[in-house]
Amino acid sequence: MQVIKPSVEVLLDIDPIKMLKKVERCGRTCYKSEGRITSDSYIKFLKDVIARDHLSVIEHGVVTVMLTCDRGVTHEIVRHRIGSYSQESTRYVNYKKGIEVIQPEIKDQVALAKWEASMIHAENTYRDMIQLNVSPEIARSVLPNALKTEIAITFNLREWRHFFILRGSRGAHPQIREVAILILQALQEMIPVVFDDLVVIDDGFHKLIKLGGE
């Protein structure tokens, strides 16, 4: 068994600036203001439409993220209906060489030891079943929610904002909040303007995503 941490890789089909300029071009159709497009007019335009909550405009921009996390987190992610997903399949992947798991934040050492023992027991039971010629799609039933999985997520920019606000909040599950922050920080490094008003704060208990000014 190997314990790993969540990770994020952003896959962009086009240069992010070209994507945002396309969004501006599409959005200016609403106002018939295409003549006001300049080399950097997308910056003010996007700030304005986001401030006015005219978020349908930014749906013309799409980003794919490769996320490594646990299966419990992906069960929540795929509830976002405006998206496309491709996920590692436990039906076809054989874990007989060992499983990888994502460890939740467990501060109590006794509880952590019990968690680790449970993961090892699940791994050993899975291996035993495979050795008894049980198929991976049946043996997977003993694998834990903590099992590492990989998922490709494609959302438009509006849905990413919705995802960050919903899944980065205090009420979100701690592990999905963790990956929401990872993805937000990755996108903020690559894509200007669209996520600038979303900030990561530490309230003394949690790291959270907040709309700027709240």
N, C-alpha and C. Protein backbone atom coordinates (compact mmCIF):
# COMPACT_ATOMS: atom_id res chain seq x y z
N MET A 1 0.84 -1.19 0.00
CA MET A 1 0.00 0.00 0.00
C MET A 1 0.88 1.24 0.00
N GLN A 2 0.48 2.23 -0.78
CA GLN A 2 1.21 3.50 -0.83
C GLN A 2 0.24 4.64 -0.57
N VAL A 3 0.62 5.54 0.33
CA VAL A 3 -0.19 6.72 0.64
C VAL A 3 0.34 7.88 -0.19
N ILE A 4 -0.54 8.53 -0.96
CA ILE A 4 -0.13 9.65 -1.82
C ILE A 4 -1.02 10.86 -1.54
N LYS A 5 -0.62 12.00 -2.07
CA LYS A 5 -1.38 13.24 -1.89
C LYS A 5 -2.14 13.58 -3.18
N PRO A 6 -3.23 14.32 -3.08
CA PRO A 6 -3.94 14.76 -4.28
C PRO A 6 -3.03 15.62 -5.15
N SER A 7 -3.26 15.59 -6.46
CA SER A 7 -2.47 16.42 -7.37
C SER A 7 -3.33 16.85 -8.55
N VAL A 8 -2.87 17.91 -9.23
CA VAL A 8 -3.64 18.54 -10.30
C VAL A 8 -2.74 18.81 -11.49
N GLU A 9 -3.26 18.56 -12.69
CA GLU A 9 -2.60 18.97 -13.93
C GLU A 9 -3.65 19.62 -14.82
N VAL A 10 -3.38 20.83 -15.27
CA VAL A 10 -4.30 21.56 -16.15
C VAL A 10 -3.94 21.28 -17.60
N LEU A 11 -4.94 20.88 -18.40
CA LEU A 11 -4.75 20.63 -19.82
C LEU A 11 -5.48 21.72 -20.60
N LEU A 12 -4.74 22.58 -21.27
CA LEU A 12 -5.35 23.65 -22.06
C LEU A 12 -5.10 23.39 -23.53
N ASP A 13 -6.17 23.36 -24.33
CA ASP A 13 -6.04 23.11 -25.76
C ASP A 13 -5.43 24.30 -26.49
N ILE A 14 -5.71 25.49 -25.99
CA ILE A 14 -5.21 26.70 -26.63
C ILE A 14 -4.59 27.62 -25.59
N ASP A 15 -3.85 28.60 -26.04
CA ASP A 15 -3.28 29.60 -25.16
C ASP A 15 -4.42 30.27 -24.38
N PRO A 16 -4.27 30.43 -23.05
CA PRO A 16 -5.36 30.99 -22.25
C PRO A 16 -5.79 32.38 -22.70
N ILE A 17 -4.85 33.19 -23.18
CA ILE A 17 -5.22 34.53 -23.65
C ILE A 17 -6.10 34.43 -24.90
N LYS A 18 -5.76 33.51 -25.80
CA LYS A 18 -6.61 33.30 -26.99
C LYS A 18 -8.00 32.84 -26.58
N MET A 19 -8.07 32.00 -25.56
CA MET A 19 -9.37 31.53 -25.09
C MET A 19 -10.20 32.70 -24.56
N LEU A 20 -9.57 33.58 -23.77
CA LEU A 20 -10.30 34.70 -23.20
C LEU A 20 -10.70 35.71 -24.26
N LYS A 21 -9.87 35.87 -25.28
CA LYS A 21 -10.25 36.76 -26.39
C LYS A 21 -11.42 36.18 -27.17
N LYS A 22 -11.47 34.86 -27.28
CA LYS A 22 -12.64 34.23 -27.93
C LYS A 22 -13.90 34.48 -27.10
N VAL A 23 -13.75 34.36 -25.78
CA VAL A 23 -14.88 34.62 -24.89
C VAL A 23 -15.37 36.06 -25.08
N GLU A 24 -14.43 37.01 -25.15
CA GLU A 24 -14.81 38.40 -25.37
C GLU A 24 -15.54 38.56 -26.69
N ARG A 25 -15.01 37.96 -27.74
CA ARG A 25 -15.64 38.07 -29.07
C ARG A 25 -17.06 37.54 -29.04
N CYS A 26 -17.26 36.41 -28.38
CA CYS A 26 -18.61 35.84 -28.28
C CYS A 26 -19.51 36.74 -27.44
N GLY A 27 -18.98 37.23 -26.32
CA GLY A 27 -19.79 38.03 -25.41
C GLY A 27 -20.19 39.36 -25.98
N ARG A 28 -19.34 39.97 -26.80
CA ARG A 28 -19.67 41.27 -27.38
C ARG A 28 -20.79 41.18 -28.42
N THR A 29 -21.11 39.97 -28.83
CA THR A 29 -22.28 39.80 -29.70
C THR A 29 -23.53 40.32 -29.01
N CYS A 30 -23.59 40.15 -27.68
CA CYS A 30 -24.77 40.58 -26.94
C CYS A 30 -24.97 42.09 -27.05
N TYR A 31 -23.88 42.83 -27.12
CA TYR A 31 -23.95 44.29 -27.07
C TYR A 31 -23.63 44.92 -28.43
N LYS A 32 -23.30 44.06 -29.41
CA LYS A 32 -22.86 44.53 -30.73
C LYS A 32 -21.75 45.58 -30.57
N SER A 33 -20.77 45.21 -29.75
CA SER A 33 -19.66 46.13 -29.47
C SER A 33 -18.33 45.55 -29.97
N GLU A 34 -18.42 44.74 -31.02
CA GLU A 34 -17.20 44.11 -31.53
C GLU A 34 -16.14 45.14 -31.95
N GLY A 35 -16.59 46.31 -32.34
CA GLY A 35 -15.66 47.34 -32.78
C GLY A 35 -14.78 47.88 -31.66
N ARG A 36 -15.08 47.54 -30.44
CA ARG A 36 -14.30 48.01 -29.30
C ARG A 36 -13.21 47.02 -28.89
N ILE A 37 -13.08 45.93 -29.65
CA ILE A 37 -12.06 44.93 -29.32
C ILE A 37 -10.66 45.47 -29.64
N THR A 38 -9.77 45.37 -28.66
CA THR A 38 -8.36 45.72 -28.85
C THR A 38 -7.52 44.55 -28.35
N SER A 39 -6.22 44.74 -28.31
CA SER A 39 -5.33 43.64 -27.91
C SER A 39 -5.53 43.22 -26.46
N ASP A 40 -5.97 44.17 -25.62
CA ASP A 40 -6.15 43.83 -24.21
C ASP A 40 -7.54 44.17 -23.67
N SER A 41 -8.49 44.41 -24.54
CA SER A 41 -9.83 44.81 -24.09
C SER A 41 -10.56 43.68 -23.38
N TYR A 42 -10.10 42.43 -23.60
CA TYR A 42 -10.75 41.30 -22.94
C TYR A 42 -10.67 41.43 -21.41
N ILE A 43 -9.63 42.09 -20.90
CA ILE A 43 -9.44 42.19 -19.45
C ILE A 43 -10.60 42.96 -18.82
N LYS A 44 -10.84 44.17 -19.29
CA LYS A 44 -11.92 44.98 -18.73
C LYS A 44 -13.28 44.35 -19.04
N PHE A 45 -13.42 43.81 -20.25
CA PHE A 45 -14.69 43.20 -20.63
C PHE A 45 -15.05 42.06 -19.67
N LEU A 46 -14.11 41.18 -19.41
CA LEU A 46 -14.39 40.04 -18.54
C LEU A 46 -14.64 40.48 -17.10
N LYS A 47 -13.87 41.46 -16.64
CA LYS A 47 -14.12 41.98 -15.29
C LYS A 47 -15.53 42.53 -15.18
N ASP A 48 -15.97 43.23 -16.23
CA ASP A 48 -17.31 43.83 -16.21
C ASP A 48 -18.41 42.78 -16.21
N VAL A 49 -18.29 41.76 -17.08
CA VAL A 49 -19.38 40.77 -17.15
C VAL A 49 -19.42 39.94 -15.87
N ILE A 50 -18.26 39.67 -15.27
CA ILE A 50 -18.25 38.92 -14.01
C ILE A 50 -18.85 39.76 -12.89
N ALA A 51 -18.52 41.04 -12.86
CA ALA A 51 -19.07 41.93 -11.83
C ALA A 51 -20.59 42.05 -11.96
N ARG A 52 -21.10 42.01 -13.20
CA ARG A 52 -22.55 42.10 -13.42
C ARG A 52 -23.24 40.74 -13.34
N ASP A 53 -22.45 39.71 -13.06
CA ASP A 53 -22.99 38.35 -12.96
C ASP A 53 -23.56 37.86 -14.29
N HIS A 54 -23.05 38.39 -15.39
CA HIS A 54 -23.45 37.95 -16.73
C HIS A 54 -22.57 36.76 -17.12
N LEU A 55 -22.70 35.68 -16.34
CA LEU A 55 -21.72 34.59 -16.42
C LEU A 55 -21.95 33.63 -17.58
N SER A 56 -23.09 33.73 -18.25
CA SER A 56 -23.28 32.86 -19.42
C SER A 56 -22.20 33.14 -20.47
N VAL A 57 -21.68 34.37 -20.48
CA VAL A 57 -20.66 34.73 -21.46
C VAL A 57 -19.41 33.86 -21.31
N ILE A 58 -18.98 33.60 -20.07
CA ILE A 58 -17.72 32.88 -19.90
C ILE A 58 -17.88 31.37 -20.10
N GLU A 59 -19.10 30.92 -20.38
CA GLU A 59 -19.28 29.51 -20.72
C GLU A 59 -18.61 29.15 -22.05
N HIS A 60 -18.23 30.15 -22.83
CA HIS A 60 -17.56 29.88 -24.11
C HIS A 60 -16.10 29.46 -23.92
N GLY A 61 -15.59 29.58 -22.71
CA GLY A 61 -14.24 29.12 -22.40
C GLY A 61 -14.30 27.80 -21.66
N VAL A 62 -13.45 26.84 -22.05
CA VAL A 62 -13.49 25.49 -21.48
C VAL A 62 -12.09 25.08 -21.04
N VAL A 63 -12.01 24.44 -19.88
CA VAL A 63 -10.73 23.98 -19.34
C VAL A 63 -10.88 22.54 -18.85
N THR A 64 -9.87 21.72 -19.15
CA THR A 64 -9.81 20.34 -18.66
C THR A 64 -8.74 20.22 -17.60
N VAL A 65 -9.08 19.54 -16.52
CA VAL A 65 -8.14 19.31 -15.42
C VAL A 65 -8.01 17.81 -15.19
N MET A 66 -6.77 17.34 -15.05
CA MET A 66 -6.52 15.96 -14.62
C MET A 66 -6.31 16.00 -13.11
N LEU A 67 -7.15 15.28 -12.40
CA LEU A 67 -7.11 15.31 -10.94
C LEU A 67 -6.84 13.92 -10.39
N THR A 68 -5.90 13.84 -9.46
CA THR A 68 -5.66 12.62 -8.70
C THR A 68 -6.17 12.87 -7.28
N CYS A 69 -7.13 12.03 -6.85
CA CYS A 69 -7.73 12.21 -5.53
C CYS A 69 -8.32 10.87 -5.11
N ASP A 70 -9.11 10.86 -4.05
CA ASP A 70 -9.73 9.59 -3.68
C ASP A 70 -11.13 9.47 -4.31
N ARG A 71 -11.63 8.24 -4.33
CA ARG A 71 -12.90 7.99 -5.03
C ARG A 71 -14.07 8.65 -4.31
N GLY A 72 -13.96 8.85 -3.01
CA GLY A 72 -15.03 9.55 -2.30
C GLY A 72 -15.20 10.96 -2.83
N VAL A 73 -14.09 11.62 -3.14
CA VAL A 73 -14.15 12.98 -3.69
C VAL A 73 -14.80 12.97 -5.07
N THR A 74 -14.42 12.02 -5.91
CA THR A 74 -14.99 12.00 -7.27
C THR A 74 -16.49 11.71 -7.26
N HIS A 75 -16.96 10.99 -6.25
CA HIS A 75 -18.40 10.76 -6.15
C HIS A 75 -19.15 12.08 -6.02
N GLU A 76 -18.52 13.08 -5.39
CA GLU A 76 -19.14 14.39 -5.26
C GLU A 76 -18.92 15.23 -6.52
N ILE A 77 -17.74 15.12 -7.11
CA ILE A 77 -17.43 15.94 -8.29
C ILE A 77 -18.39 15.63 -9.44
N VAL A 78 -18.68 14.36 -9.68
CA VAL A 78 -19.49 14.01 -10.85
C VAL A 78 -20.95 14.40 -10.67
N ARG A 79 -21.32 14.94 -9.53
CA ARG A 79 -22.67 15.48 -9.37
C ARG A 79 -22.82 16.82 -10.08
N HIS A 80 -21.71 17.42 -10.45
CA HIS A 80 -21.77 18.66 -11.24
C HIS A 80 -22.14 18.27 -12.67
N ARG A 81 -23.35 18.59 -13.06
CA ARG A 81 -23.91 18.04 -14.30
C ARG A 81 -23.42 18.73 -15.55
N ILE A 82 -22.94 19.98 -15.41
CA ILE A 82 -22.44 20.68 -16.60
C ILE A 82 -20.95 20.39 -16.71
N GLY A 83 -20.65 19.17 -17.11
CA GLY A 83 -19.25 18.77 -17.20
C GLY A 83 -19.11 17.46 -17.92
N SER A 84 -17.87 17.14 -18.29
CA SER A 84 -17.54 15.86 -18.92
C SER A 84 -16.45 15.20 -18.10
N TYR A 85 -16.55 13.88 -17.94
CA TYR A 85 -15.65 13.16 -17.06
C TYR A 85 -15.14 11.87 -17.72
N SER A 86 -13.88 11.57 -17.45
CA SER A 86 -13.30 10.27 -17.80
C SER A 86 -12.49 9.83 -16.59
N GLN A 87 -12.89 8.70 -15.99
CA GLN A 87 -12.31 8.29 -14.71
C GLN A 87 -11.70 6.90 -14.79
N GLU A 88 -10.61 6.72 -14.05
CA GLU A 88 -9.97 5.42 -13.90
C GLU A 88 -11.01 4.39 -13.45
N SER A 89 -11.08 3.27 -14.15
CA SER A 89 -12.12 2.28 -13.90
C SER A 89 -11.62 1.17 -12.99
N THR A 90 -12.33 0.95 -11.89
CA THR A 90 -11.98 -0.16 -11.02
C THR A 90 -12.47 -1.50 -11.58
N ARG A 91 -13.28 -1.45 -12.63
CA ARG A 91 -13.69 -2.70 -13.29
C ARG A 91 -12.53 -3.32 -14.07
N TYR A 92 -11.74 -2.47 -14.69
CA TYR A 92 -10.73 -2.96 -15.63
C TYR A 92 -9.30 -2.84 -15.10
N VAL A 93 -9.07 -2.00 -14.10
CA VAL A 93 -7.73 -1.87 -13.53
C VAL A 93 -7.57 -2.92 -12.44
N ASN A 94 -6.47 -3.67 -12.51
CA ASN A 94 -6.19 -4.71 -11.53
C ASN A 94 -5.17 -4.18 -10.53
N TYR A 95 -5.53 -4.19 -9.25
CA TYR A 95 -4.68 -3.63 -8.20
C TYR A 95 -3.93 -4.70 -7.42
N LYS A 96 -3.70 -5.84 -8.04
CA LYS A 96 -3.07 -6.95 -7.32
C LYS A 96 -1.65 -6.62 -6.87
N LYS A 97 -1.00 -5.65 -7.52
CA LYS A 97 0.36 -5.27 -7.12
C LYS A 97 0.36 -4.29 -5.95
N GLY A 98 -0.81 -3.88 -5.53
CA GLY A 98 -0.91 -2.95 -4.41
C GLY A 98 -1.78 -1.77 -4.75
N ILE A 99 -2.39 -1.17 -3.74
CA ILE A 99 -3.26 -0.02 -3.96
C ILE A 99 -2.57 1.26 -3.50
N GLU A 100 -3.02 2.37 -4.05
CA GLU A 100 -2.61 3.68 -3.59
C GLU A 100 -3.82 4.34 -2.95
N VAL A 101 -3.62 5.00 -1.83
CA VAL A 101 -4.74 5.61 -1.12
C VAL A 101 -4.39 7.06 -0.77
N ILE A 102 -5.44 7.85 -0.61
CA ILE A 102 -5.31 9.24 -0.18
C ILE A 102 -5.68 9.31 1.29
N GLN A 103 -4.77 9.77 2.11
CA GLN A 103 -5.03 9.83 3.55
C GLN A 103 -5.76 11.10 3.91
N PRO A 104 -6.91 10.99 4.58
CA PRO A 104 -7.59 12.19 5.07
C PRO A 104 -6.83 12.76 6.25
N GLU A 105 -7.18 13.98 6.64
CA GLU A 105 -6.52 14.59 7.79
C GLU A 105 -7.07 13.96 9.07
N ILE A 106 -6.24 13.14 9.70
CA ILE A 106 -6.60 12.49 10.97
C ILE A 106 -5.50 12.84 11.96
N LYS A 107 -5.81 13.66 12.94
CA LYS A 107 -4.80 14.14 13.88
C LYS A 107 -4.53 13.15 15.01
N ASP A 108 -5.57 12.42 15.41
CA ASP A 108 -5.41 11.45 16.49
C ASP A 108 -4.61 10.25 15.99
N GLN A 109 -3.51 9.93 16.63
CA GLN A 109 -2.62 8.87 16.15
C GLN A 109 -3.24 7.49 16.28
N VAL A 110 -4.06 7.28 17.30
CA VAL A 110 -4.74 5.98 17.44
C VAL A 110 -5.73 5.79 16.29
N ALA A 111 -6.49 6.85 15.98
CA ALA A 111 -7.45 6.77 14.87
C ALA A 111 -6.72 6.58 13.54
N LEU A 112 -5.58 7.27 13.38
CA LEU A 112 -4.80 7.13 12.14
C LEU A 112 -4.30 5.71 11.98
N ALA A 113 -3.84 5.10 13.07
CA ALA A 113 -3.37 3.70 13.00
C ALA A 113 -4.50 2.76 12.62
N LYS A 114 -5.70 3.02 13.12
CA LYS A 114 -6.85 2.19 12.76
C LYS A 114 -7.18 2.36 11.28
N TRP A 115 -7.08 3.59 10.79
CA TRP A 115 -7.33 3.85 9.36
C TRP A 115 -6.32 3.09 8.52
N GLU A 116 -5.06 3.16 8.87
CA GLU A 116 -4.02 2.48 8.10
C GLU A 116 -4.23 0.97 8.12
N ALA A 117 -4.60 0.43 9.27
CA ALA A 117 -4.85 -1.01 9.37
C ALA A 117 -6.02 -1.42 8.48
N SER A 118 -7.04 -0.57 8.42
CA SER A 118 -8.19 -0.86 7.58
C SER A 118 -7.81 -0.88 6.10
N MET A 119 -6.95 0.06 5.70
CA MET A 119 -6.50 0.10 4.30
C MET A 119 -5.71 -1.15 3.94
N ILE A 120 -4.82 -1.55 4.84
CA ILE A 120 -4.01 -2.75 4.59
C ILE A 120 -4.88 -3.98 4.51
N HIS A 121 -5.88 -4.05 5.40
CA HIS A 121 -6.79 -5.20 5.38
C HIS A 121 -7.56 -5.26 4.06
N ALA A 122 -8.03 -4.12 3.58
CA ALA A 122 -8.76 -4.09 2.31
C ALA A 122 -7.85 -4.53 1.17
N GLU A 123 -6.61 -4.05 1.17
CA GLU A 123 -5.66 -4.43 0.13
C GLU A 123 -5.40 -5.94 0.15
N ASN A 124 -5.19 -6.49 1.33
CA ASN A 124 -4.91 -7.92 1.43
C ASN A 124 -6.11 -8.76 1.00
N THR A 125 -7.30 -8.32 1.38
CA THR A 125 -8.52 -9.05 0.98
C THR A 125 -8.69 -9.03 -0.53
N TYR A 126 -8.44 -7.86 -1.13
CA TYR A 126 -8.52 -7.74 -2.59
C TYR A 126 -7.56 -8.70 -3.26
N ARG A 127 -6.31 -8.74 -2.80
CA ARG A 127 -5.31 -9.64 -3.39
C ARG A 127 -5.72 -11.09 -3.25
N ASP A 128 -6.24 -11.43 -2.08
CA ASP A 128 -6.69 -12.82 -1.86
C ASP A 128 -7.78 -13.19 -2.85
N MET A 129 -8.71 -12.29 -3.08
CA MET A 129 -9.81 -12.57 -4.00
C MET A 129 -9.29 -12.72 -5.44
N ILE A 130 -8.35 -11.87 -5.83
CA ILE A 130 -7.78 -11.98 -7.17
C ILE A 130 -7.08 -13.32 -7.33
N GLN A 131 -6.34 -13.75 -6.29
CA GLN A 131 -5.65 -15.04 -6.35
C GLN A 131 -6.62 -16.22 -6.41
N LEU A 132 -7.85 -15.98 -5.95
CA LEU A 132 -8.90 -17.01 -6.04
C LEU A 132 -9.67 -16.91 -7.35
N ASN A 133 -9.09 -16.14 -8.30
CA ASN A 133 -9.66 -15.97 -9.64
C ASN A 133 -10.99 -15.21 -9.67
N VAL A 134 -11.19 -14.38 -8.65
CA VAL A 134 -12.32 -13.45 -8.70
C VAL A 134 -11.93 -12.29 -9.61
N SER A 135 -12.83 -11.86 -10.48
CA SER A 135 -12.50 -10.81 -11.44
C SER A 135 -12.33 -9.47 -10.72
N PRO A 136 -11.51 -8.57 -11.30
CA PRO A 136 -11.33 -7.26 -10.69
C PRO A 136 -12.64 -6.50 -10.48
N GLU A 137 -13.61 -6.66 -11.39
CA GLU A 137 -14.85 -5.92 -11.26
C GLU A 137 -15.69 -6.38 -10.07
N ILE A 138 -15.45 -7.62 -9.60
CA ILE A 138 -16.12 -8.10 -8.40
C ILE A 138 -15.27 -7.84 -7.16
N ALA A 139 -13.98 -8.08 -7.27
CA ALA A 139 -13.08 -7.87 -6.12
C ALA A 139 -13.04 -6.41 -5.68
N ARG A 140 -13.34 -5.49 -6.60
CA ARG A 140 -13.27 -4.07 -6.26
C ARG A 140 -14.23 -3.68 -5.14
N SER A 141 -15.23 -4.53 -4.87
CA SER A 141 -16.23 -4.17 -3.86
C SER A 141 -15.63 -4.03 -2.47
N VAL A 142 -14.45 -4.58 -2.25
CA VAL A 142 -13.82 -4.47 -0.93
C VAL A 142 -12.88 -3.27 -0.84
N LEU A 143 -12.67 -2.56 -1.95
CA LEU A 143 -11.74 -1.43 -1.94
C LEU A 143 -12.37 -0.21 -1.26
N PRO A 144 -11.58 0.60 -0.57
CA PRO A 144 -12.12 1.71 0.21
C PRO A 144 -12.37 2.95 -0.61
N ASN A 145 -13.18 3.87 -0.06
CA ASN A 145 -13.37 5.18 -0.68
C ASN A 145 -12.05 5.94 -0.80
N ALA A 146 -11.10 5.61 0.07
CA ALA A 146 -9.80 6.29 0.07
C ALA A 146 -8.92 5.88 -1.10
N LEU A 147 -9.37 4.90 -1.89
CA LEU A 147 -8.58 4.45 -3.04
C LEU A 147 -8.27 5.62 -3.97
N LYS A 148 -7.02 5.75 -4.34
CA LYS A 148 -6.62 6.78 -5.30
C LYS A 148 -7.27 6.52 -6.64
N THR A 149 -7.73 7.58 -7.27
CA THR A 149 -8.27 7.49 -8.61
C THR A 149 -7.81 8.69 -9.41
N GLU A 150 -7.87 8.57 -10.73
CA GLU A 150 -7.56 9.69 -11.60
C GLU A 150 -8.79 10.00 -12.44
N ILE A 151 -9.08 11.29 -12.59
CA ILE A 151 -10.26 11.70 -13.34
C ILE A 151 -9.94 12.93 -14.17
N ALA A 152 -10.38 12.91 -15.41
CA ALA A 152 -10.29 14.09 -16.28
C ALA A 152 -11.62 14.82 -16.18
N ILE A 153 -11.55 16.11 -15.87
CA ILE A 153 -12.75 16.93 -15.68
C ILE A 153 -12.72 18.08 -16.67
N THR A 154 -13.77 18.22 -17.45
CA THR A 154 -13.88 19.36 -18.37
C THR A 154 -15.11 20.17 -18.00
N PHE A 155 -14.86 21.41 -17.57
CA PHE A 155 -15.93 22.35 -17.25
C PHE A 155 -15.72 23.62 -18.07
N ASN A 156 -16.81 24.33 -18.35
CA ASN A 156 -16.62 25.69 -18.85
C ASN A 156 -16.24 26.59 -17.68
N LEU A 157 -15.80 27.80 -17.99
CA LEU A 157 -15.28 28.68 -16.94
C LEU A 157 -16.32 29.04 -15.89
N ARG A 158 -17.56 29.15 -16.33
CA ARG A 158 -18.62 29.46 -15.36
C ARG A 158 -18.78 28.31 -14.36
N GLU A 159 -18.75 27.09 -14.85
CA GLU A 159 -18.92 25.94 -13.97
C GLU A 159 -17.72 25.79 -13.03
N TRP A 160 -16.53 26.11 -13.52
CA TRP A 160 -15.38 26.09 -12.61
C TRP A 160 -15.58 27.08 -11.47
N ARG A 161 -16.08 28.28 -11.78
CA ARG A 161 -16.33 29.25 -10.71
C ARG A 161 -17.36 28.70 -9.71
N HIS A 162 -18.42 28.12 -10.23
CA HIS A 162 -19.44 27.53 -9.37
C HIS A 162 -18.84 26.42 -8.50
N PHE A 163 -18.01 25.60 -9.11
CA PHE A 163 -17.35 24.51 -8.38
C PHE A 163 -16.51 25.05 -7.23
N PHE A 164 -15.72 26.09 -7.50
CA PHE A 164 -14.85 26.64 -6.47
C PHE A 164 -15.64 27.25 -5.32
N ILE A 165 -16.69 27.98 -5.65
CA ILE A 165 -17.49 28.64 -4.61
C ILE A 165 -18.22 27.61 -3.76
N LEU A 166 -18.76 26.56 -4.41
CA LEU A 166 -19.50 25.54 -3.68
C LEU A 166 -18.58 24.60 -2.91
N ARG A 167 -17.55 24.10 -3.57
CA ARG A 167 -16.70 23.07 -2.98
C ARG A 167 -15.55 23.63 -2.16
N GLY A 168 -15.35 24.94 -2.22
CA GLY A 168 -14.33 25.55 -1.40
C GLY A 168 -14.88 26.19 -0.14
N SER A 169 -16.17 26.02 0.10
CA SER A 169 -16.82 26.68 1.24
C SER A 169 -16.59 25.90 2.53
N ARG A 170 -16.92 26.53 3.64
CA ARG A 170 -16.76 25.91 4.95
C ARG A 170 -17.58 24.63 5.07
N GLY A 171 -18.73 24.59 4.42
CA GLY A 171 -19.60 23.43 4.54
C GLY A 171 -19.23 22.26 3.66
N ALA A 172 -18.23 22.43 2.79
CA ALA A 172 -17.83 21.34 1.91
C ALA A 172 -17.01 20.30 2.67
N HIS A 173 -16.97 19.09 2.12
CA HIS A 173 -16.14 18.04 2.72
C HIS A 173 -14.68 18.49 2.68
N PRO A 174 -13.92 18.27 3.75
CA PRO A 174 -12.54 18.77 3.79
C PRO A 174 -11.67 18.33 2.61
N GLN A 175 -11.88 17.10 2.12
CA GLN A 175 -11.01 16.61 1.05
C GLN A 175 -11.38 17.21 -0.31
N ILE A 176 -12.67 17.46 -0.55
CA ILE A 176 -13.01 18.11 -1.81
C ILE A 176 -12.65 19.59 -1.74
N ARG A 177 -12.70 20.19 -0.55
CA ARG A 177 -12.25 21.57 -0.39
C ARG A 177 -10.75 21.66 -0.69
N GLU A 178 -10.00 20.66 -0.27
CA GLU A 178 -8.56 20.64 -0.53
C GLU A 178 -8.27 20.62 -2.03
N VAL A 179 -8.97 19.77 -2.79
CA VAL A 179 -8.69 19.70 -4.22
C VAL A 179 -9.24 20.92 -4.95
N ALA A 180 -10.35 21.49 -4.46
CA ALA A 180 -10.87 22.72 -5.07
C ALA A 180 -9.84 23.83 -4.98
N ILE A 181 -9.18 23.94 -3.83
CA ILE A 181 -8.15 24.97 -3.66
C ILE A 181 -6.96 24.69 -4.57
N LEU A 182 -6.56 23.43 -4.69
CA LEU A 182 -5.45 23.07 -5.58
C LEU A 182 -5.76 23.46 -7.02
N ILE A 183 -6.97 23.15 -7.48
CA ILE A 183 -7.33 23.45 -8.86
C ILE A 183 -7.42 24.96 -9.07
N LEU A 184 -8.06 25.66 -8.14
CA LEU A 184 -8.16 27.12 -8.26
C LEU A 184 -6.78 27.75 -8.38
N GLN A 185 -5.88 27.37 -7.51
CA GLN A 185 -4.54 27.96 -7.54
C GLN A 185 -3.82 27.66 -8.85
N ALA A 186 -4.03 26.46 -9.38
CA ALA A 186 -3.42 26.11 -10.67
C ALA A 186 -3.99 26.97 -11.80
N LEU A 187 -5.31 27.16 -11.80
CA LEU A 187 -5.94 27.94 -12.86
C LEU A 187 -5.59 29.42 -12.73
N GLN A 188 -5.49 29.91 -11.52
CA GLN A 188 -5.13 31.32 -11.33
C GLN A 188 -3.73 31.63 -11.87
N GLU A 189 -2.85 30.64 -11.85
CA GLU A 189 -1.50 30.84 -12.38
C GLU A 189 -1.49 30.91 -13.90
N MET A 190 -2.50 30.29 -14.54
CA MET A 190 -2.50 30.15 -15.99
C MET A 190 -3.48 31.07 -16.70
N ILE A 191 -4.61 31.37 -16.04
CA ILE A 191 -5.69 32.11 -16.70
C ILE A 191 -5.94 33.41 -15.96
N PRO A 192 -5.71 34.55 -16.58
CA PRO A 192 -5.92 35.83 -15.90
C PRO A 192 -7.41 36.20 -15.80
N VAL A 193 -7.72 37.10 -14.91
CA VAL A 193 -9.00 37.80 -14.77
C VAL A 193 -10.13 36.92 -14.22
N VAL A 194 -10.40 35.78 -14.86
CA VAL A 194 -11.64 35.03 -14.61
C VAL A 194 -11.79 34.61 -13.15
N PHE A 195 -10.68 34.28 -12.49
CA PHE A 195 -10.77 33.78 -11.12
C PHE A 195 -10.10 34.72 -10.12
N ASP A 196 -9.79 35.94 -10.55
CA ASP A 196 -9.06 36.86 -9.69
C ASP A 196 -9.83 37.27 -8.44
N ASP A 197 -11.16 37.23 -8.50
CA ASP A 197 -11.95 37.64 -7.34
C ASP A 197 -12.19 36.51 -6.35
N LEU A 198 -11.65 35.34 -6.64
CA LEU A 198 -11.75 34.21 -5.72
C LEU A 198 -10.44 34.09 -4.96
N VAL A 199 -10.51 34.11 -3.65
CA VAL A 199 -9.29 34.12 -2.84
C VAL A 199 -9.34 32.97 -1.83
N VAL A 200 -8.16 32.45 -1.53
CA VAL A 200 -8.04 31.41 -0.51
C VAL A 200 -7.68 32.08 0.80
N ILE A 201 -8.48 31.82 1.82
CA ILE A 201 -8.23 32.41 3.14
C ILE A 201 -8.06 31.29 4.16
N ASP A 202 -7.50 31.63 5.28
CA ASP A 202 -7.39 30.71 6.42
C ASP A 202 -8.13 31.35 7.58
N ASP A 203 -9.24 30.73 7.97
CA ASP A 203 -10.06 31.33 9.04
C ASP A 203 -9.63 30.87 10.43
N GLY A 204 -8.47 30.22 10.47
CA GLY A 204 -7.98 29.72 11.75
C GLY A 204 -8.29 28.26 11.97
N PHE A 205 -9.27 27.75 11.24
CA PHE A 205 -9.63 26.34 11.33
C PHE A 205 -9.51 25.64 9.97
N HIS A 206 -9.88 26.38 8.91
CA HIS A 206 -9.91 25.79 7.58
C HIS A 206 -9.30 26.76 6.58
N LYS A 207 -8.81 26.20 5.50
CA LYS A 207 -8.55 27.00 4.31
C LYS A 207 -9.80 26.97 3.45
N LEU A 208 -10.26 28.14 3.04
CA LEU A 208 -11.53 28.28 2.33
C LEU A 208 -11.34 29.11 1.09
N ILE A 209 -12.27 28.96 0.14
CA ILE A 209 -12.34 29.84 -1.03
C ILE A 209 -13.46 30.83 -0.80
N LYS A 210 -13.13 32.11 -0.94
CA LYS A 210 -14.12 33.16 -0.74
C LYS A 210 -14.13 34.10 -1.95
N LEU A 211 -15.31 34.62 -2.26
CA LEU A 211 -15.40 35.71 -3.23
C LEU A 211 -14.77 36.93 -2.61
N GLY A 212 -13.90 37.61 -3.36
CA GLY A 212 -13.24 38.79 -2.85
C GLY A 212 -14.24 39.84 -2.39
N GLY A 213 -13.99 40.42 -1.23
CA GLY A 213 -14.88 41.45 -0.72
C GLY A 213 -15.94 40.92 0.22
N GLU A 214 -16.09 39.55 0.28
CA GLU A 214 -17.09 39.02 1.20
C GLU A 214 -16.59 39.10 2.64
